[in-house]
Amino acid sequence: MFEQVPMVEMDGMKLVQSKAIMNYISAKYNLYGKDLKERVMIDMYAEGLRDLMEMIMKHPFL
């Protein structure tokens, strides 16, 4: 588990997995929207980007 990249050391912890790292940092620094409405918008954009990247990686020459 800790032989992975990306890996971030924060608050005495070694964090791996991109989504876990982003969730931790956004919660720690209050970057995840001010209310439920903003959070769901952030989640929708993030999932949409993830879907797009997955499609590009599967079909890079289309």
Protein backbone atom coordinates (compact mmCIF):
# COMPACT_ATOMS: atom_id res chain seq x y z
CA MET A 1 0.00 0.00 0.00
CA PHE A 2 2.74 2.50 0.83
CA GLU A 3 4.84 1.66 -2.21
CA GLN A 4 2.40 3.67 -4.33
CA VAL A 5 2.43 7.08 -5.95
CA PRO A 6 1.06 9.57 -5.41
CA MET A 7 1.91 9.49 -1.73
CA VAL A 8 1.68 12.49 0.59
CA GLU A 9 2.89 12.73 4.18
CA MET A 10 0.66 14.96 6.31
CA ASP A 11 -0.03 15.12 10.01
CA GLY A 12 2.13 12.07 10.69
CA MET A 13 0.30 9.94 8.12
CA LYS A 14 1.31 8.56 4.74
CA LEU A 15 -1.65 9.07 2.43
CA VAL A 16 -2.03 7.15 -0.84
CA GLN A 17 -4.77 6.99 -3.48
CA SER A 18 -5.61 10.24 -5.23
CA LYS A 19 -9.22 10.47 -4.07
CA ALA A 20 -8.31 9.83 -0.43
CA ILE A 21 -5.59 12.50 -0.60
CA MET A 22 -7.96 15.03 -2.20
CA ASN A 23 -10.69 14.29 0.34
CA TYR A 24 -8.32 14.70 3.27
CA ILE A 25 -6.84 17.99 2.04
CA SER A 26 -10.22 19.44 1.08
CA ALA A 27 -11.67 18.58 4.50
CA LYS A 28 -8.62 19.81 6.41
CA TYR A 29 -8.51 23.19 4.67
CA ASN A 30 -12.28 23.60 4.23
CA LEU A 31 -12.09 23.48 0.42
CA TYR A 32 -15.06 21.19 -0.19
CA GLY A 33 -17.78 23.80 -0.58
CA LYS A 34 -19.64 25.79 2.02
CA ASP A 35 -22.85 23.77 1.88
CA LEU A 36 -24.38 20.58 0.51
CA LYS A 37 -25.33 22.24 -2.78
CA GLU A 38 -21.72 23.30 -3.49
CA ARG A 39 -20.42 19.87 -2.48
CA VAL A 40 -22.70 18.03 -4.88
CA MET A 41 -21.62 20.37 -7.71
CA ILE A 42 -17.97 19.67 -6.90
CA ASP A 43 -18.67 15.92 -6.88
CA MET A 44 -20.49 16.09 -10.23
CA TYR A 45 -17.62 17.95 -11.91
CA ALA A 46 -15.03 15.61 -10.40
CA GLU A 47 -16.92 12.49 -11.51
CA GLY A 48 -17.46 13.97 -14.98
CA LEU A 49 -13.74 14.65 -15.34
CA ARG A 50 -12.94 11.14 -14.14
CA ASP A 51 -15.33 9.68 -16.74
CA LEU A 52 -13.77 11.83 -19.47
CA MET A 53 -10.24 10.78 -18.54
CA GLU A 54 -11.27 7.12 -18.49
CA MET A 55 -12.79 7.46 -21.96
CA ILE A 56 -9.67 9.21 -23.30
CA MET A 57 -7.41 6.52 -21.84
CA LYS A 58 -9.50 3.73 -23.40
CA HIS A 59 -9.68 5.38 -26.84
CA PRO A 60 -6.67 7.71 -27.16
CA PHE A 61 -6.74 7.92 -30.96
CA LEU A 62 -10.42 8.64 -31.62
